[in-house]
Amino acid sequence: MAAQKINEGLEHLAKAEKYLKTGFLKWKPDYDSAASEYGKAAVAFKNAKQFEQAKDACLREAVAHENNRAYLFQAYEQAGMMLKEMQKLPEAVQLIEKASMMYLENGTPDTAAMALERAGKLIENVDPDKAVQLYQQTANVFENEERLRQAVELLGKASRLLVRGRRFDEAALSIQKEKNIYKEIENYPTCYKKTIAQVLVHLHRNDYVAAERCVRESYSIPGFNGSEDCAALEQLLEGYDQQDQDQVSEVCNSPLFKYMDNDYAKLGLSLVVPGGGVKKKVAAPPQAQPEGAPAPAAPAEEEEDEYAGGLC
């Protein structure tokens, strides 16, 4: 079967070369017919799992389509997909990016965005930084076309990859952009979730002030003040500020935090208060003491306890 498909591909290549030849009665190459034959050759080689030959046929098809722009872009993208089958992912992404730029220049931004997103998915596990760049480019294309829901979805992918790579400064900016778009399209409950994500990122940056500011600014979002998200964040910030690891862990282990996107849930579970996570004891409520009973000893943490037993 494979040998038959290879022979079929070679026959299509031979026909394509014939269409490109000129002679006494044929002054111009027949590029359209040649491109068609190269495309058929690529399919035959792909079915025979001869991906290198399939990729070459796609690139030849692209060259033959120089005067037919839409087909040219598709040919470059198809060549990229052949490289993907060969596990040559950086080279595949490079060709798909080239195709997407051509789609943009040709006035088909939707197709360009879909090509960029495909490229991001291809490279995500190999080169997350490149995937972030591609997802952000895709989001920009969608945003320029005022397709905000698609744009914010791609920004979310970029944000999660930035968090996974512990690029917290960039993640904070990316999440803020997500939040702004969700606010613009009036998806307020998701704004609350993005505020939680922001706070976790800022606390991992050791920036309590920025985390507190995020919560304070979110009071202007309809419904946030009085929501369970707001109450949980206030409790989280209080515990963090008081270096109460038990309180912080209790909040971060609540369903509200645990069932967030996995990357943010992990941030919550790994959050440690300043000072190494030693709980700051909170005084128990006073209880009635019998008359004449000695007063309870002061906590050992207080400075005056250093000499509580005297100097001897």
Protein backbone atom coordinates (compact mmCIF):
# COMPACT_ATOMS: atom_id res chain seq x y z
CA MET A 1 0.00 0.00 0.00
CA ALA A 2 2.77 2.44 0.96
CA ALA A 3 4.76 1.63 -2.18
CA GLN A 4 1.68 2.21 -4.30
CA LYS A 5 1.08 5.63 -2.72
CA ILE A 6 4.75 6.57 -3.17
CA ASN A 7 4.54 5.71 -6.87
CA GLU A 8 1.33 7.70 -7.12
CA GLY A 9 3.06 10.69 -5.55
CA LEU A 10 5.99 10.41 -7.95
CA GLU A 11 3.60 10.32 -10.90
CA HIS A 12 1.94 13.54 -9.72
CA LEU A 13 5.35 15.17 -9.32
CA ALA A 14 6.26 14.21 -12.87
CA LYS A 15 3.01 15.69 -14.18
CA ALA A 16 3.62 18.89 -12.20
CA GLU A 17 7.09 19.27 -13.72
CA LYS A 18 5.59 18.76 -17.16
CA TYR A 19 3.09 21.58 -16.56
CA LEU A 20 5.94 23.90 -15.59
CA LYS A 21 7.94 23.31 -18.76
CA THR A 22 7.77 25.80 -21.62
CA GLY A 23 8.37 25.25 -25.32
CA PHE A 24 7.95 26.67 -28.79
CA LEU A 25 4.15 26.60 -28.58
CA LYS A 26 3.90 27.00 -24.79
CA TRP A 27 5.37 30.27 -23.61
CA LYS A 28 4.14 30.31 -20.00
CA PRO A 29 4.23 27.59 -17.34
CA ASP A 30 0.81 26.35 -16.19
CA TYR A 31 1.27 27.14 -12.50
CA ASP A 32 -2.29 26.33 -11.43
CA SER A 33 -2.19 22.83 -12.92
CA ALA A 34 1.30 22.25 -11.52
CA ALA A 35 0.15 23.37 -8.06
CA SER A 36 -2.77 20.96 -8.24
CA GLU A 37 -0.45 18.06 -9.08
CA TYR A 38 1.96 19.01 -6.27
CA GLY A 39 -0.99 19.04 -3.87
CA LYS A 40 -2.04 15.56 -4.98
CA ALA A 41 1.55 14.37 -4.62
CA ALA A 42 1.65 15.74 -1.05
CA VAL A 43 -1.51 13.81 -0.13
CA ALA A 44 -0.13 10.59 -1.62
CA PHE A 45 3.19 10.94 0.23
CA LYS A 46 1.38 11.78 3.47
CA ASN A 47 -0.75 8.64 3.17
CA ALA A 48 2.46 6.67 2.65
CA LYS A 49 3.89 8.37 5.78
CA GLN A 50 6.70 9.88 3.70
CA PHE A 51 6.43 13.20 5.49
CA GLU A 52 9.68 14.70 4.19
CA GLN A 53 8.53 14.21 0.59
CA ALA A 54 5.04 15.43 1.51
CA LYS A 55 6.50 18.60 3.02
CA ASP A 56 8.63 19.23 -0.10
CA ALA A 57 5.58 18.76 -2.32
CA CYS A 58 3.62 21.28 -0.20
CA LEU A 59 6.40 23.83 -0.49
CA ARG A 60 6.55 23.33 -4.27
CA GLU A 61 2.80 23.81 -4.36
CA ALA A 62 3.26 27.09 -2.46
CA VAL A 63 5.83 28.32 -4.97
CA ALA A 64 3.55 27.37 -7.86
CA HIS A 65 0.71 29.31 -6.23
CA GLU A 66 2.61 32.61 -6.09
CA ASN A 67 -0.05 34.14 -8.36
CA ASN A 68 -2.93 32.65 -6.39
CA ARG A 69 -2.45 34.07 -2.92
CA ALA A 70 -5.11 32.18 -0.93
CA TYR A 71 -3.80 28.80 -2.04
CA LEU A 72 -0.25 29.94 -1.36
CA PHE A 73 -1.02 30.49 2.34
CA GLN A 74 -2.71 27.13 2.67
CA ALA A 75 0.26 25.41 1.08
CA TYR A 76 2.67 26.91 3.62
CA GLU A 77 0.37 25.88 6.45
CA GLN A 78 0.10 22.34 5.09
CA ALA A 79 3.90 22.16 4.80
CA GLY A 80 4.05 23.14 8.47
CA MET A 81 1.69 20.32 9.38
CA MET A 82 3.94 17.85 7.54
CA LEU A 83 6.87 19.05 9.64
CA LYS A 84 4.71 18.49 12.73
CA GLU A 85 4.26 14.84 11.70
CA MET A 86 8.06 14.63 11.46
CA GLN A 87 8.32 16.02 15.03
CA LYS A 88 10.14 19.10 13.71
CA LEU A 89 7.97 21.40 15.76
CA PRO A 90 10.00 24.66 15.72
CA GLU A 91 10.25 24.47 11.91
CA ALA A 92 6.54 23.62 11.69
CA VAL A 93 5.60 26.64 13.79
CA GLN A 94 7.82 28.88 11.68
CA LEU A 95 5.96 27.93 8.48
CA ILE A 96 2.52 28.22 10.11
CA GLU A 97 3.46 31.67 11.42
CA LYS A 98 4.50 32.66 7.90
CA ALA A 99 1.13 31.47 6.58
CA SER A 100 -0.75 33.39 9.30
CA MET A 101 1.07 36.64 8.48
CA MET A 102 0.09 36.12 4.83
CA TYR A 103 -3.53 35.55 5.85
CA LEU A 104 -3.44 38.85 7.76
CA GLU A 105 -1.95 40.74 4.84
CA ASN A 106 -4.60 39.23 2.57
CA GLY A 107 -7.40 40.48 4.82
CA THR A 108 -8.44 37.18 6.42
CA PRO A 109 -7.67 37.75 10.11
CA ASP A 110 -9.92 34.94 11.39
CA THR A 111 -7.94 32.35 9.42
CA ALA A 112 -4.69 33.98 10.59
CA ALA A 113 -5.79 33.72 14.23
CA MET A 114 -6.77 30.07 13.88
CA ALA A 115 -3.40 29.27 12.31
CA LEU A 116 -1.54 31.05 15.14
CA GLU A 117 -3.58 29.19 17.76
CA ARG A 118 -2.77 25.86 16.07
CA ALA A 119 0.91 26.78 16.13
CA GLY A 120 0.67 27.59 19.86
CA LYS A 121 -0.89 24.22 20.63
CA LEU A 122 1.84 22.45 18.65
CA ILE A 123 4.72 24.07 20.52
CA GLU A 124 3.18 24.46 24.01
CA ASN A 125 4.82 21.40 25.57
CA VAL A 126 8.17 21.95 23.86
CA ASP A 127 8.62 25.71 24.08
CA PRO A 128 6.06 27.33 26.44
CA ASP A 129 7.61 30.78 25.97
CA LYS A 130 6.97 30.62 22.24
CA ALA A 131 3.44 29.37 22.88
CA VAL A 132 2.78 32.38 25.13
CA GLN A 133 3.91 34.69 22.34
CA LEU A 134 1.67 32.93 19.80
CA TYR A 135 -1.38 32.97 22.08
CA GLN A 136 -0.87 36.67 22.77
CA GLN A 137 -0.57 37.36 19.04
CA THR A 138 -3.78 35.42 18.44
CA ALA A 139 -5.55 37.37 21.18
CA ASN A 140 -4.43 40.66 19.60
CA VAL A 141 -5.83 39.59 16.21
CA PHE A 142 -9.19 38.67 17.76
CA GLU A 143 -9.26 41.86 19.83
CA ASN A 144 -8.60 43.99 16.75
CA GLU A 145 -11.59 42.29 15.15
CA GLU A 146 -13.65 43.04 18.30
CA ARG A 147 -14.10 39.34 18.99
CA LEU A 148 -13.45 39.80 22.69
CA ARG A 149 -14.61 36.39 23.91
CA GLN A 150 -12.14 34.61 21.64
CA ALA A 151 -9.43 37.12 22.58
CA VAL A 152 -9.85 36.61 26.31
CA GLU A 153 -9.83 32.83 25.94
CA LEU A 154 -6.39 33.00 24.31
CA LEU A 155 -5.14 35.47 26.91
CA GLY A 156 -6.20 32.96 29.56
CA LYS A 157 -4.03 30.29 27.94
CA ALA A 158 -1.08 32.70 27.91
CA SER A 159 -1.65 33.65 31.58
CA ARG A 160 -1.69 30.03 32.73
CA LEU A 161 1.52 29.25 30.86
CA LEU A 162 3.18 32.31 32.42
CA VAL A 163 2.11 31.13 35.89
CA ARG A 164 3.36 27.62 35.12
CA GLY A 165 6.72 29.10 34.14
CA ARG A 166 6.72 31.26 37.31
CA ARG A 167 6.90 34.43 35.23
CA PHE A 168 4.72 36.15 37.79
CA ASP A 169 5.32 39.78 36.78
CA GLU A 170 4.10 39.06 33.24
CA ALA A 171 1.31 36.82 34.53
CA ALA A 172 -0.04 39.65 36.71
CA LEU A 173 -0.26 41.96 33.69
CA SER A 174 -1.85 39.27 31.52
CA ILE A 175 -4.52 38.45 34.12
CA GLN A 176 -5.30 42.16 34.49
CA LYS A 177 -5.90 42.36 30.76
CA GLU A 178 -8.21 39.34 30.97
CA LYS A 179 -10.08 40.97 33.82
CA ASN A 180 -10.52 44.22 31.89
CA ILE A 181 -12.05 42.36 28.93
CA TYR A 182 -14.38 40.31 31.14
CA LYS A 183 -15.50 43.56 32.75
CA GLU A 184 -16.08 45.09 29.30
CA ILE A 185 -18.29 42.19 28.21
CA GLU A 186 -20.02 42.30 31.63
CA ASN A 187 -19.02 38.81 32.71
CA TYR A 188 -18.67 39.88 36.33
CA PRO A 189 -18.47 36.47 38.07
CA THR A 190 -15.39 35.62 36.00
CA CYS A 191 -13.90 38.98 37.04
CA TYR A 192 -14.15 37.75 40.64
CA LYS A 193 -12.21 34.58 39.74
CA LYS A 194 -9.57 36.64 37.96
CA THR A 195 -9.19 38.76 41.09
CA ILE A 196 -8.45 35.60 43.08
CA ALA A 197 -5.86 34.60 40.47
CA GLN A 198 -4.31 38.08 40.61
CA VAL A 199 -4.06 38.03 44.40
CA LEU A 200 -2.38 34.61 44.40
CA VAL A 201 0.13 35.75 41.77
CA HIS A 202 0.93 38.97 43.67
CA LEU A 203 1.40 37.10 46.95
CA HIS A 204 3.81 34.72 45.21
CA ARG A 205 5.62 37.87 44.06
CA ASN A 206 5.76 38.84 47.76
CA ASP A 207 3.80 41.98 46.91
CA TYR A 208 1.08 42.23 49.54
CA VAL A 209 0.36 45.86 48.62
CA ALA A 210 -0.47 44.96 45.00
CA ALA A 211 -2.64 42.05 46.17
CA GLU A 212 -4.59 44.28 48.54
CA ARG A 213 -4.97 46.93 45.82
CA CYS A 214 -6.48 44.32 43.46
CA VAL A 215 -9.18 43.52 46.00
CA ARG A 216 -9.80 47.17 46.77
CA GLU A 217 -10.17 48.07 43.08
CA SER A 218 -12.52 45.13 42.54
CA TYR A 219 -15.07 46.64 44.92
CA SER A 220 -16.18 48.72 41.91
CA ILE A 221 -17.17 45.54 40.00
CA PRO A 222 -20.93 44.96 40.39
CA GLY A 223 -21.67 42.23 42.91
CA PHE A 224 -18.09 41.68 44.07
CA ASN A 225 -18.51 43.31 47.48
CA GLY A 226 -20.48 40.79 49.52
CA SER A 227 -19.63 37.82 47.27
CA GLU A 228 -18.00 34.67 48.66
CA ASP A 229 -14.97 35.49 46.52
CA CYS A 230 -14.57 38.86 48.22
CA ALA A 231 -15.01 37.37 51.72
CA ALA A 232 -12.45 34.64 51.01
CA LEU A 233 -9.91 37.12 49.67
CA GLU A 234 -10.30 39.39 52.67
CA GLN A 235 -9.76 36.39 54.96
CA LEU A 236 -6.72 35.32 52.89
CA LEU A 237 -5.13 38.77 53.04
CA GLU A 238 -5.79 39.04 56.77
CA GLY A 239 -4.12 35.67 57.41
CA TYR A 240 -1.16 36.55 55.17
CA ASP A 241 -0.69 39.93 56.84
CA GLN A 242 -0.81 38.35 60.32
CA GLN A 243 1.51 35.51 59.22
CA ASP A 244 -1.18 33.01 60.13
CA GLN A 245 -0.38 29.99 57.96
CA ASP A 246 -3.36 28.00 59.27
CA GLN A 247 -5.81 30.68 58.16
CA VAL A 248 -4.13 31.05 54.74
CA SER A 249 -4.11 27.27 54.21
CA GLU A 250 -7.76 26.99 55.24
CA VAL A 251 -8.78 29.56 52.62
CA CYS A 252 -6.58 28.07 49.90
CA ASN A 253 -7.92 24.57 50.58
CA SER A 254 -11.54 25.70 50.29
CA PRO A 255 -13.53 24.52 47.24
CA LEU A 256 -13.55 28.10 45.90
CA PHE A 257 -9.77 27.94 45.45
CA LYS A 258 -9.23 24.22 44.88
CA TYR A 259 -11.57 24.07 41.88
CA MET A 260 -9.98 26.96 40.02
CA ASP A 261 -7.83 26.27 36.94
CA ASN A 262 -5.14 23.84 38.03
CA ASP A 263 -2.27 26.31 37.74
CA TYR A 264 -3.97 28.77 40.12
CA ALA A 265 -5.09 26.04 42.51
CA LYS A 266 -1.44 24.98 42.81
CA LEU A 267 -0.45 28.57 43.62
CA GLY A 268 -2.92 28.54 46.49
CA LEU A 269 -1.75 25.18 47.87
CA SER A 270 1.90 26.28 47.76
CA LEU A 271 1.35 29.72 49.29
CA VAL A 272 3.45 30.29 52.43
CA VAL A 273 3.17 33.35 54.63
CA PRO A 274 6.23 35.52 55.34
CA GLY A 275 8.47 34.21 58.08
CA GLY A 276 8.43 30.61 56.93
CA GLY A 277 4.82 29.79 57.68
CA VAL A 278 4.86 29.89 61.50
CA LYS A 279 1.38 30.56 62.75
CA LYS A 280 0.93 33.72 64.74
CA LYS A 281 -1.06 32.67 67.79
CA VAL A 282 -4.35 34.39 68.35
CA ALA A 283 -5.38 34.91 71.97
CA ALA A 284 -8.26 32.69 73.05
CA PRO A 285 -11.39 34.43 74.29
CA PRO A 286 -11.11 35.23 78.03
CA GLN A 287 -12.77 32.72 80.32
CA ALA A 288 -14.15 33.34 83.78
CA GLN A 289 -11.50 32.71 86.42
CA PRO A 290 -12.21 31.78 90.05
CA GLU A 291 -11.47 34.50 92.55
CA GLY A 292 -7.85 34.52 93.63
CA ALA A 293 -6.70 32.38 90.67
CA PRO A 294 -3.39 33.52 89.17
CA ALA A 295 -3.55 35.33 85.82
CA PRO A 296 -2.52 33.24 82.79
CA ALA A 297 1.11 33.57 81.75
CA ALA A 298 1.87 36.01 78.92
CA PRO A 299 2.72 34.50 75.48
CA ALA A 300 6.32 33.41 75.12
CA GLU A 301 6.69 35.54 71.94
CA GLU A 302 6.52 38.87 73.78
CA GLU A 303 9.80 40.68 74.31
CA GLU A 304 9.41 41.14 78.07
CA ASP A 305 9.29 37.33 78.47
CA GLU A 306 13.00 37.15 77.70
CA TYR A 307 13.79 37.79 81.35
CA ALA A 308 10.58 36.40 82.81
CA GLY A 309 12.49 33.95 85.00
CA GLY A 310 14.94 36.57 86.27
CA LEU A 311 18.62 36.86 85.47
CA CYS A 312 19.71 33.73 87.36
